[in-house]
């Protein structure tokens, strides 16, 4: 697919029709540059990132475009390279509740990539955003082709999700103590 061509990837997730700008290998240096700002990539070498980027595709979203839709399907996670993305969750009484804003170096969508469950929240570009996408089937290929890198990615994902669960549990306890 040529650079700048729009691709619908609904068969591989719910990215909708966003601009695909190429393979991750084209931005491996930008990904490596995020190592200091991304806890996910803290222990990844340049070689690790070079290999990983070969399994990723790069997309661009314009301000206001939905990247991930709450409740939708999806078998991918993304690494935000440039721009910012608002994370919104439907609330029973308030419509959309703003949870946080993600910036460069942050990963989104890991839970659905791992468990295949519907998306927990929506991710909407607040400004022009560039992000690299890793699909579940490509993660499986990494595990088979590069077992040590696959293990490193899985350990990072489990650690990150465990940390988020601990933080959420602590907030829940604070809420319950009120």
N, C-alpha and C. Protein backbone atom coordinates (compact mmCIF):
# COMPACT_ATOMS: atom_id res chain seq x y z
N UNK A 1 0.85 -1.18 0.00
CA UNK A 1 0.00 0.00 0.00
C UNK A 1 0.89 1.24 0.00
N UNK A 2 0.60 2.21 -0.82
CA UNK A 2 1.42 3.40 -0.95
C UNK A 2 1.25 4.32 0.25
N UNK A 3 2.30 5.08 0.52
CA UNK A 3 2.24 6.04 1.62
C UNK A 3 1.11 7.03 1.37
N UNK A 4 0.36 7.34 2.44
CA UNK A 4 -0.71 8.30 2.33
C UNK A 4 -2.04 7.71 1.91
N UNK A 5 -2.04 6.45 1.49
CA UNK A 5 -3.28 5.82 1.07
C UNK A 5 -4.13 5.46 2.28
N UNK A 6 -5.41 5.66 2.19
CA UNK A 6 -6.31 5.35 3.30
C UNK A 6 -6.71 3.89 3.23
N UNK A 7 -6.64 3.21 4.38
CA UNK A 7 -6.98 1.80 4.43
C UNK A 7 -7.97 1.57 5.56
N UNK A 8 -9.02 0.84 5.29
CA UNK A 8 -9.93 0.43 6.35
C UNK A 8 -9.41 -0.88 6.90
N UNK A 9 -9.19 -0.92 8.21
CA UNK A 9 -8.63 -2.12 8.82
C UNK A 9 -9.66 -2.80 9.71
N UNK A 10 -10.93 -2.64 9.40
CA UNK A 10 -11.97 -3.23 10.24
C UNK A 10 -11.84 -4.74 10.32
N UNK A 11 -11.27 -5.37 9.32
CA UNK A 11 -11.08 -6.81 9.40
C UNK A 11 -9.99 -7.19 10.38
N UNK A 12 -9.13 -6.25 10.73
CA UNK A 12 -8.05 -6.51 11.67
C UNK A 12 -8.26 -5.70 12.94
N UNK A 13 -9.42 -5.21 13.19
CA UNK A 13 -9.68 -4.42 14.38
C UNK A 13 -10.67 -3.33 14.07
N UNK A 14 -10.69 -2.31 14.90
CA UNK A 14 -11.67 -1.25 14.69
C UNK A 14 -10.98 0.11 14.55
N UNK A 15 -9.92 0.17 13.78
CA UNK A 15 -9.23 1.45 13.56
C UNK A 15 -10.03 2.36 12.64
N UNK A 16 -11.07 1.86 12.06
CA UNK A 16 -11.91 2.59 11.12
C UNK A 16 -11.09 2.97 9.90
N UNK A 17 -11.41 4.03 9.26
CA UNK A 17 -10.67 4.44 8.07
C UNK A 17 -9.74 5.58 8.44
N UNK A 18 -8.56 5.22 8.88
CA UNK A 18 -7.54 6.21 9.22
C UNK A 18 -6.43 6.12 8.18
N UNK A 19 -5.66 7.16 8.09
CA UNK A 19 -4.59 7.21 7.10
C UNK A 19 -3.43 6.29 7.53
N UNK A 20 -3.14 5.30 6.71
CA UNK A 20 -1.99 4.43 6.96
C UNK A 20 -0.79 5.08 6.29
N UNK A 21 0.28 5.29 7.05
CA UNK A 21 1.43 5.98 6.49
C UNK A 21 2.62 5.06 6.24
N UNK A 22 2.50 3.79 6.56
CA UNK A 22 3.57 2.85 6.23
C UNK A 22 3.84 1.84 7.31
N UNK A 23 4.98 1.17 7.18
CA UNK A 23 5.41 0.17 8.15
C UNK A 23 6.15 0.86 9.30
N UNK A 24 6.16 0.18 10.42
CA UNK A 24 6.84 0.70 11.60
C UNK A 24 8.32 0.90 11.42
N UNK A 25 8.93 0.12 10.52
CA UNK A 25 10.37 0.26 10.29
C UNK A 25 10.74 1.68 9.86
N UNK A 26 9.82 2.38 9.21
CA UNK A 26 10.08 3.74 8.76
C UNK A 26 10.22 4.72 9.93
N UNK A 27 9.68 4.34 11.09
CA UNK A 27 9.76 5.25 12.24
C UNK A 27 10.45 4.59 13.43
N UNK A 28 11.27 3.58 13.18
CA UNK A 28 11.97 2.89 14.27
C UNK A 28 12.80 3.87 15.10
N UNK A 29 13.44 4.85 14.46
CA UNK A 29 14.24 5.83 15.20
C UNK A 29 13.38 6.68 16.12
N UNK A 30 12.17 7.07 15.64
CA UNK A 30 11.26 7.85 16.49
C UNK A 30 10.80 7.01 17.68
N UNK A 31 10.53 5.72 17.44
CA UNK A 31 10.13 4.84 18.54
C UNK A 31 11.28 4.73 19.54
N UNK A 32 12.50 4.54 19.04
CA UNK A 32 13.65 4.45 19.94
C UNK A 32 13.82 5.75 20.71
N UNK A 33 13.52 6.88 20.09
CA UNK A 33 13.61 8.17 20.76
C UNK A 33 12.62 8.32 21.91
N UNK A 34 11.59 7.49 21.93
CA UNK A 34 10.59 7.54 23.00
C UNK A 34 11.01 6.72 24.22
N UNK A 35 12.10 5.97 24.10
CA UNK A 35 12.51 5.07 25.18
C UNK A 35 12.57 5.79 26.52
N UNK A 36 13.11 6.98 26.56
CA UNK A 36 13.21 7.72 27.82
C UNK A 36 11.88 8.20 28.37
N UNK A 37 10.88 8.33 27.50
CA UNK A 37 9.56 8.84 27.93
C UNK A 37 8.52 7.75 28.06
N UNK A 38 8.85 6.53 27.69
CA UNK A 38 7.89 5.45 27.70
C UNK A 38 8.33 4.36 28.66
N UNK A 39 7.52 4.12 29.69
CA UNK A 39 7.86 3.04 30.62
C UNK A 39 7.80 1.70 29.91
N UNK A 40 6.96 1.59 28.90
CA UNK A 40 6.85 0.33 28.16
C UNK A 40 8.18 -0.06 27.54
N UNK A 41 8.89 0.88 26.97
CA UNK A 41 10.12 0.59 26.23
C UNK A 41 11.39 0.84 27.03
N UNK A 42 11.28 0.99 28.33
CA UNK A 42 12.42 1.35 29.17
C UNK A 42 13.61 0.39 29.02
N UNK A 43 13.37 -0.88 28.87
CA UNK A 43 14.47 -1.85 28.80
C UNK A 43 14.66 -2.44 27.40
N UNK A 44 14.13 -1.79 26.39
CA UNK A 44 14.27 -2.29 25.03
C UNK A 44 15.52 -1.70 24.38
N UNK A 45 16.27 -2.55 23.69
CA UNK A 45 17.45 -2.08 22.96
C UNK A 45 17.01 -1.55 21.60
N UNK A 46 17.94 -0.92 20.92
CA UNK A 46 17.65 -0.43 19.56
C UNK A 46 17.30 -1.62 18.66
N UNK A 47 17.98 -2.74 18.84
CA UNK A 47 17.70 -3.94 18.04
C UNK A 47 16.28 -4.46 18.33
N UNK A 48 15.88 -4.48 19.62
CA UNK A 48 14.53 -4.91 19.98
C UNK A 48 13.49 -4.06 19.26
N UNK A 49 13.69 -2.76 19.29
CA UNK A 49 12.73 -1.85 18.68
C UNK A 49 12.74 -1.98 17.17
N UNK A 50 13.91 -2.20 16.60
CA UNK A 50 14.00 -2.40 15.15
C UNK A 50 13.20 -3.64 14.73
N UNK A 51 13.33 -4.72 15.49
CA UNK A 51 12.58 -5.94 15.18
C UNK A 51 11.09 -5.71 15.37
N UNK A 52 10.72 -5.16 16.52
CA UNK A 52 9.31 -4.91 16.82
C UNK A 52 8.66 -4.02 15.77
N UNK A 53 9.35 -2.97 15.37
CA UNK A 53 8.76 -2.03 14.41
C UNK A 53 8.46 -2.69 13.07
N UNK A 54 9.18 -3.75 12.73
CA UNK A 54 8.92 -4.48 11.50
C UNK A 54 7.58 -5.20 11.51
N UNK A 55 7.00 -5.40 12.68
CA UNK A 55 5.71 -6.06 12.83
C UNK A 55 4.56 -5.06 13.01
N UNK A 56 4.90 -3.79 12.99
CA UNK A 56 3.89 -2.75 13.24
C UNK A 56 3.57 -1.97 11.98
N UNK A 57 2.37 -1.39 11.95
CA UNK A 57 1.97 -0.47 10.90
C UNK A 57 1.76 0.89 11.55
N UNK A 58 2.00 1.93 10.79
CA UNK A 58 1.88 3.29 11.29
C UNK A 58 0.67 3.98 10.67
N UNK A 59 -0.09 4.66 11.53
CA UNK A 59 -1.29 5.37 11.10
C UNK A 59 -1.25 6.80 11.61
N UNK A 60 -2.07 7.63 10.97
CA UNK A 60 -2.22 9.02 11.39
C UNK A 60 -3.70 9.30 11.55
N UNK A 61 -4.04 10.02 12.61
CA UNK A 61 -5.42 10.44 12.85
C UNK A 61 -5.44 11.96 12.96
N UNK A 62 -6.49 12.56 12.44
CA UNK A 62 -6.67 14.00 12.53
C UNK A 62 -7.43 14.35 13.82
N UNK A 63 -7.35 15.61 14.26
CA UNK A 63 -8.07 16.00 15.48
C UNK A 63 -9.55 15.62 15.41
N UNK A 64 -10.05 15.01 16.47
CA UNK A 64 -11.45 14.61 16.54
C UNK A 64 -11.74 13.22 16.00
N UNK A 65 -10.79 12.59 15.33
CA UNK A 65 -11.02 11.25 14.79
C UNK A 65 -10.96 10.21 15.91
N UNK A 66 -11.89 9.27 15.83
CA UNK A 66 -11.92 8.18 16.81
C UNK A 66 -10.94 7.10 16.37
N UNK A 67 -10.02 6.76 17.26
CA UNK A 67 -9.03 5.73 16.98
C UNK A 67 -9.53 4.39 17.50
N UNK A 68 -10.07 4.41 18.71
CA UNK A 68 -10.66 3.23 19.34
C UNK A 68 -12.03 3.63 19.85
N UNK A 69 -13.04 2.80 19.57
CA UNK A 69 -14.40 3.09 20.01
C UNK A 69 -14.78 2.15 21.16
N UNK A 70 -15.23 2.74 22.27
CA UNK A 70 -15.66 1.96 23.42
C UNK A 70 -16.70 0.93 22.99
N UNK A 71 -16.53 -0.30 23.47
CA UNK A 71 -17.46 -1.38 23.15
C UNK A 71 -17.17 -2.07 21.83
N UNK A 72 -16.32 -1.47 21.02
CA UNK A 72 -15.99 -2.06 19.73
C UNK A 72 -15.00 -3.20 19.88
N UNK A 73 -14.84 -3.93 18.81
CA UNK A 73 -13.87 -5.00 18.79
C UNK A 73 -12.49 -4.45 18.50
N UNK A 74 -11.52 -5.26 18.73
CA UNK A 74 -10.16 -4.83 18.41
C UNK A 74 -9.17 -5.85 18.90
N UNK A 75 -8.22 -6.15 18.07
CA UNK A 75 -7.20 -7.12 18.42
C UNK A 75 -5.83 -6.47 18.34
N UNK A 76 -5.75 -5.19 18.65
CA UNK A 76 -4.50 -4.47 18.52
C UNK A 76 -4.27 -3.53 19.69
N UNK A 77 -3.02 -3.19 19.87
CA UNK A 77 -2.65 -2.10 20.78
C UNK A 77 -1.90 -1.08 19.94
N UNK A 78 -1.78 0.12 20.46
CA UNK A 78 -1.04 1.13 19.72
C UNK A 78 -0.07 1.86 20.61
N UNK A 79 0.98 2.34 19.99
CA UNK A 79 1.99 3.18 20.63
C UNK A 79 1.86 4.56 20.02
N UNK A 80 1.60 5.54 20.86
CA UNK A 80 1.45 6.91 20.38
C UNK A 80 2.84 7.50 20.15
N UNK A 81 3.09 7.93 18.92
CA UNK A 81 4.39 8.48 18.53
C UNK A 81 4.37 10.00 18.63
N UNK A 82 3.34 10.62 18.07
CA UNK A 82 3.19 12.08 18.08
C UNK A 82 1.74 12.42 18.36
N UNK A 83 1.52 13.56 18.98
CA UNK A 83 0.17 14.03 19.23
C UNK A 83 -0.37 13.56 20.57
N UNK A 84 -1.64 13.84 20.78
CA UNK A 84 -2.31 13.49 22.03
C UNK A 84 -3.67 12.88 21.74
N UNK A 85 -4.07 12.01 22.65
CA UNK A 85 -5.32 11.28 22.50
C UNK A 85 -6.08 11.35 23.82
N UNK A 86 -7.35 11.76 23.77
CA UNK A 86 -8.20 11.75 24.96
C UNK A 86 -8.80 10.37 25.12
N UNK A 87 -8.82 9.89 26.36
CA UNK A 87 -9.44 8.62 26.69
C UNK A 87 -10.77 8.94 27.38
N UNK A 88 -11.86 8.48 26.79
CA UNK A 88 -13.20 8.79 27.28
C UNK A 88 -13.95 7.51 27.58
N UNK A 89 -14.71 7.52 28.67
CA UNK A 89 -15.51 6.37 29.09
C UNK A 89 -16.95 6.81 29.23
N UNK A 90 -17.86 6.00 28.68
CA UNK A 90 -19.29 6.31 28.83
C UNK A 90 -19.66 6.19 30.30
N UNK A 91 -20.44 7.16 30.75
CA UNK A 91 -20.92 7.18 32.13
C UNK A 91 -22.43 7.04 32.10
N UNK A 92 -22.98 6.36 33.08
CA UNK A 92 -24.43 6.15 33.09
C UNK A 92 -25.21 7.45 33.19
N UNK A 93 -24.66 8.42 33.87
CA UNK A 93 -25.44 9.65 34.06
C UNK A 93 -24.79 10.90 33.49
N UNK A 94 -23.57 10.84 33.01
CA UNK A 94 -22.89 12.04 32.54
C UNK A 94 -22.46 11.99 31.08
N UNK A 95 -22.93 11.05 30.32
CA UNK A 95 -22.46 10.94 28.93
C UNK A 95 -21.04 10.43 28.90
N UNK A 96 -20.16 11.13 28.22
CA UNK A 96 -18.75 10.75 28.13
C UNK A 96 -17.97 11.38 29.28
N UNK A 97 -17.22 10.57 30.00
CA UNK A 97 -16.39 11.03 31.10
C UNK A 97 -14.92 11.00 30.63
N UNK A 98 -14.24 12.15 30.74
CA UNK A 98 -12.82 12.21 30.36
C UNK A 98 -12.01 11.52 31.45
N UNK A 99 -11.25 10.49 31.05
CA UNK A 99 -10.44 9.75 32.02
C UNK A 99 -9.03 10.30 32.10
N UNK A 100 -8.40 10.51 30.94
CA UNK A 100 -7.04 11.02 30.89
C UNK A 100 -6.71 11.41 29.46
N UNK A 101 -5.56 12.00 29.28
CA UNK A 101 -5.03 12.30 27.96
C UNK A 101 -3.69 11.60 27.83
N UNK A 102 -3.53 10.87 26.74
CA UNK A 102 -2.28 10.14 26.48
C UNK A 102 -1.41 10.95 25.54
N UNK A 103 -0.11 10.87 25.76
CA UNK A 103 0.85 11.57 24.91
C UNK A 103 1.87 10.61 24.33
N UNK A 104 2.83 11.15 23.62
CA UNK A 104 3.85 10.32 22.97
C UNK A 104 4.52 9.36 23.96
N UNK A 105 4.70 8.12 23.50
CA UNK A 105 5.33 7.10 24.33
C UNK A 105 4.36 6.23 25.09
N UNK A 106 3.09 6.62 25.12
CA UNK A 106 2.10 5.82 25.84
C UNK A 106 1.50 4.78 24.92
N UNK A 107 1.12 3.65 25.52
CA UNK A 107 0.46 2.59 24.78
C UNK A 107 -1.01 2.57 25.16
N UNK A 108 -1.84 2.18 24.22
CA UNK A 108 -3.29 2.13 24.41
C UNK A 108 -3.82 0.83 23.81
N UNK A 109 -4.87 0.29 24.41
CA UNK A 109 -5.56 -0.85 23.83
C UNK A 109 -4.97 -2.20 24.15
N UNK A 110 -4.07 -2.25 25.14
CA UNK A 110 -3.39 -3.51 25.45
C UNK A 110 -4.36 -4.59 25.92
N UNK A 111 -5.35 -4.22 26.74
CA UNK A 111 -6.25 -5.21 27.31
C UNK A 111 -6.98 -5.98 26.21
N UNK A 112 -7.56 -5.28 25.25
CA UNK A 112 -8.30 -5.95 24.19
C UNK A 112 -7.39 -6.74 23.27
N UNK A 113 -6.14 -6.29 23.10
CA UNK A 113 -5.22 -7.07 22.29
C UNK A 113 -4.97 -8.42 22.96
N UNK A 114 -4.89 -8.41 24.27
CA UNK A 114 -4.59 -9.64 25.00
C UNK A 114 -5.82 -10.53 25.14
N UNK A 115 -6.94 -9.95 25.60
CA UNK A 115 -8.09 -10.81 25.95
C UNK A 115 -9.18 -10.87 24.89
N UNK A 116 -9.11 -10.03 23.87
CA UNK A 116 -10.10 -10.06 22.80
C UNK A 116 -11.47 -9.53 23.19
N UNK A 117 -11.58 -8.96 24.39
CA UNK A 117 -12.85 -8.41 24.86
C UNK A 117 -13.10 -7.05 24.20
N UNK A 118 -14.36 -6.57 24.25
CA UNK A 118 -14.66 -5.25 23.69
C UNK A 118 -13.84 -4.15 24.36
N UNK A 119 -13.64 -3.09 23.63
CA UNK A 119 -12.86 -1.95 24.12
C UNK A 119 -13.51 -1.33 25.35
N UNK A 120 -12.69 -1.00 26.33
CA UNK A 120 -13.14 -0.45 27.61
C UNK A 120 -13.50 1.03 27.50
N UNK A 121 -12.80 1.76 26.64
CA UNK A 121 -12.99 3.20 26.52
C UNK A 121 -12.74 3.62 25.08
N UNK A 122 -13.12 4.85 24.77
CA UNK A 122 -12.85 5.42 23.45
C UNK A 122 -11.58 6.24 23.50
N UNK A 123 -10.85 6.25 22.39
CA UNK A 123 -9.63 7.05 22.25
C UNK A 123 -9.84 7.96 21.05
N UNK A 124 -9.76 9.27 21.30
CA UNK A 124 -10.03 10.26 20.27
C UNK A 124 -8.84 11.22 20.16
N UNK A 125 -8.34 11.41 18.95
CA UNK A 125 -7.21 12.32 18.74
C UNK A 125 -7.61 13.74 19.10
N UNK A 126 -6.82 14.40 19.93
CA UNK A 126 -7.09 15.80 20.27
C UNK A 126 -6.35 16.73 19.33
N UNK A 127 -5.26 16.25 18.76
CA UNK A 127 -4.55 16.96 17.71
C UNK A 127 -4.05 15.89 16.74
N UNK A 128 -3.37 16.28 15.69
CA UNK A 128 -2.89 15.28 14.74
C UNK A 128 -2.03 14.28 15.49
N UNK A 129 -2.34 13.01 15.33
CA UNK A 129 -1.64 11.96 16.08
C UNK A 129 -1.10 10.91 15.13
N UNK A 130 0.12 10.48 15.41
CA UNK A 130 0.74 9.38 14.67
C UNK A 130 0.98 8.26 15.66
N UNK A 131 0.64 7.04 15.26
CA UNK A 131 0.78 5.92 16.19
C UNK A 131 1.12 4.65 15.42
N UNK A 132 1.85 3.78 16.11
CA UNK A 132 2.21 2.47 15.56
C UNK A 132 1.27 1.43 16.16
N UNK A 133 0.83 0.50 15.34
CA UNK A 133 -0.17 -0.49 15.74
C UNK A 133 0.45 -1.89 15.71
N UNK A 134 0.22 -2.64 16.79
CA UNK A 134 0.63 -4.03 16.86
C UNK A 134 -0.62 -4.88 17.05
N UNK A 135 -0.90 -5.77 16.09
CA UNK A 135 -2.05 -6.66 16.16
C UNK A 135 -1.69 -7.94 16.90
N UNK A 136 -2.68 -8.59 17.44
CA UNK A 136 -2.49 -9.84 18.18
C UNK A 136 -1.79 -10.90 17.34
N UNK A 137 -2.18 -11.06 16.07
CA UNK A 137 -1.53 -12.08 15.25
C UNK A 137 -0.06 -11.74 15.00
N UNK A 138 0.27 -10.46 14.92
CA UNK A 138 1.68 -10.07 14.78
C UNK A 138 2.45 -10.30 16.08
N UNK A 139 1.78 -10.12 17.21
CA UNK A 139 2.41 -10.43 18.50
C UNK A 139 2.73 -11.93 18.56
N UNK A 140 1.81 -12.76 18.09
CA UNK A 140 2.05 -14.20 18.05
C UNK A 140 3.25 -14.52 17.15
N UNK A 141 3.37 -13.82 16.02
CA UNK A 141 4.50 -14.03 15.13
C UNK A 141 5.82 -13.65 15.81
N UNK A 142 5.81 -12.55 16.57
CA UNK A 142 7.01 -12.14 17.30
C UNK A 142 7.42 -13.23 18.28
N UNK A 143 6.45 -13.79 18.99
CA UNK A 143 6.74 -14.85 19.97
C UNK A 143 7.39 -16.05 19.28
N UNK A 144 6.90 -16.39 18.10
CA UNK A 144 7.47 -17.53 17.37
C UNK A 144 8.82 -17.20 16.73
N UNK A 145 8.92 -16.01 16.13
CA UNK A 145 10.14 -15.63 15.40
C UNK A 145 11.27 -15.15 16.30
N UNK A 146 10.91 -14.47 17.40
CA UNK A 146 11.89 -13.84 18.30
C UNK A 146 11.43 -14.07 19.75
N UNK A 147 11.57 -15.29 20.26
CA UNK A 147 11.02 -15.64 21.58
C UNK A 147 11.47 -14.72 22.72
N UNK A 148 12.73 -14.30 22.73
CA UNK A 148 13.17 -13.46 23.84
C UNK A 148 12.51 -12.08 23.78
N UNK A 149 12.34 -11.53 22.60
CA UNK A 149 11.64 -10.25 22.46
C UNK A 149 10.17 -10.43 22.80
N UNK A 150 9.56 -11.51 22.33
CA UNK A 150 8.16 -11.78 22.66
C UNK A 150 7.95 -11.87 24.17
N UNK A 151 8.87 -12.56 24.84
CA UNK A 151 8.77 -12.67 26.31
C UNK A 151 8.92 -11.31 26.96
N UNK A 152 9.83 -10.49 26.46
CA UNK A 152 10.05 -9.15 27.02
C UNK A 152 8.78 -8.30 26.87
N UNK A 153 8.15 -8.37 25.71
CA UNK A 153 6.92 -7.61 25.48
C UNK A 153 5.82 -8.10 26.41
N UNK A 154 5.66 -9.42 26.51
CA UNK A 154 4.61 -9.98 27.38
C UNK A 154 4.83 -9.61 28.84
N UNK A 155 6.07 -9.68 29.31
CA UNK A 155 6.36 -9.29 30.70
C UNK A 155 6.02 -7.83 30.92
N UNK A 156 6.36 -6.97 29.96
CA UNK A 156 6.03 -5.54 30.06
C UNK A 156 4.52 -5.34 30.11
N UNK A 157 3.79 -6.02 29.25
CA UNK A 157 2.33 -5.89 29.23
C UNK A 157 1.72 -6.34 30.55
N UNK A 158 2.15 -7.49 31.05
CA UNK A 158 1.61 -8.01 32.31
C UNK A 158 1.96 -7.06 33.46
N UNK A 159 3.19 -6.56 33.51
CA UNK A 159 3.59 -5.64 34.57
C UNK A 159 2.78 -4.34 34.52
N UNK A 160 2.60 -3.82 33.32
CA UNK A 160 1.85 -2.58 33.16
C UNK A 160 0.39 -2.77 33.56
N UNK A 161 -0.23 -3.85 33.12
CA UNK A 161 -1.62 -4.10 33.47
C UNK A 161 -1.77 -4.37 34.97
N UNK A 162 -0.82 -5.06 35.55
CA UNK A 162 -0.85 -5.31 36.99
C UNK A 162 -0.75 -3.99 37.77
N UNK A 163 0.13 -3.12 37.32
CA UNK A 163 0.27 -1.81 37.97
C UNK A 163 -1.03 -1.01 37.89
N UNK A 164 -1.65 -1.02 36.72
CA UNK A 164 -2.92 -0.31 36.55
C UNK A 164 -4.00 -0.89 37.46
N UNK A 165 -4.03 -2.22 37.58
CA UNK A 165 -5.01 -2.86 38.45
C UNK A 165 -4.77 -2.47 39.91
N UNK A 166 -3.53 -2.43 40.35
CA UNK A 166 -3.21 -2.01 41.72
C UNK A 166 -3.65 -0.56 41.97
N UNK A 167 -3.37 0.32 41.01
CA UNK A 167 -3.77 1.72 41.15
C UNK A 167 -5.29 1.85 41.23
N UNK A 168 -5.98 1.11 40.37
CA UNK A 168 -7.44 1.15 40.37
C UNK A 168 -8.00 0.60 41.67
N UNK A 169 -7.42 -0.49 42.17
CA UNK A 169 -7.86 -1.07 43.43
C UNK A 169 -7.66 -0.10 44.58
N UNK A 170 -6.53 0.60 44.59
CA UNK A 170 -6.26 1.59 45.64
C UNK A 170 -7.28 2.72 45.58
N UNK A 171 -7.60 3.20 44.37
CA UNK A 171 -8.61 4.27 44.23
C UNK A 171 -9.97 3.78 44.67
N UNK A 172 -10.31 2.56 44.37
CA UNK A 172 -11.59 1.98 44.77
C UNK A 172 -11.68 1.92 46.29
N UNK A 173 -10.61 1.52 46.93
CA UNK A 173 -10.61 1.47 48.40
C UNK A 173 -10.79 2.86 49.00
N UNK A 174 -10.13 3.86 48.42
CA UNK A 174 -10.30 5.24 48.89
C UNK A 174 -11.75 5.68 48.74
N UNK A 175 -12.36 5.34 47.61
CA UNK A 175 -13.75 5.70 47.36
C UNK A 175 -14.67 5.01 48.35
N UNK A 176 -14.40 3.74 48.64
CA UNK A 176 -15.24 2.97 49.56
C UNK A 176 -15.11 3.44 51.00
N UNK A 177 -13.95 4.02 51.36
CA UNK A 177 -13.71 4.50 52.73
C UNK A 177 -14.38 5.85 53.00
N UNK A 178 -14.88 6.50 51.97
CA UNK A 178 -15.50 7.82 52.15
C UNK A 178 -16.87 7.71 52.76
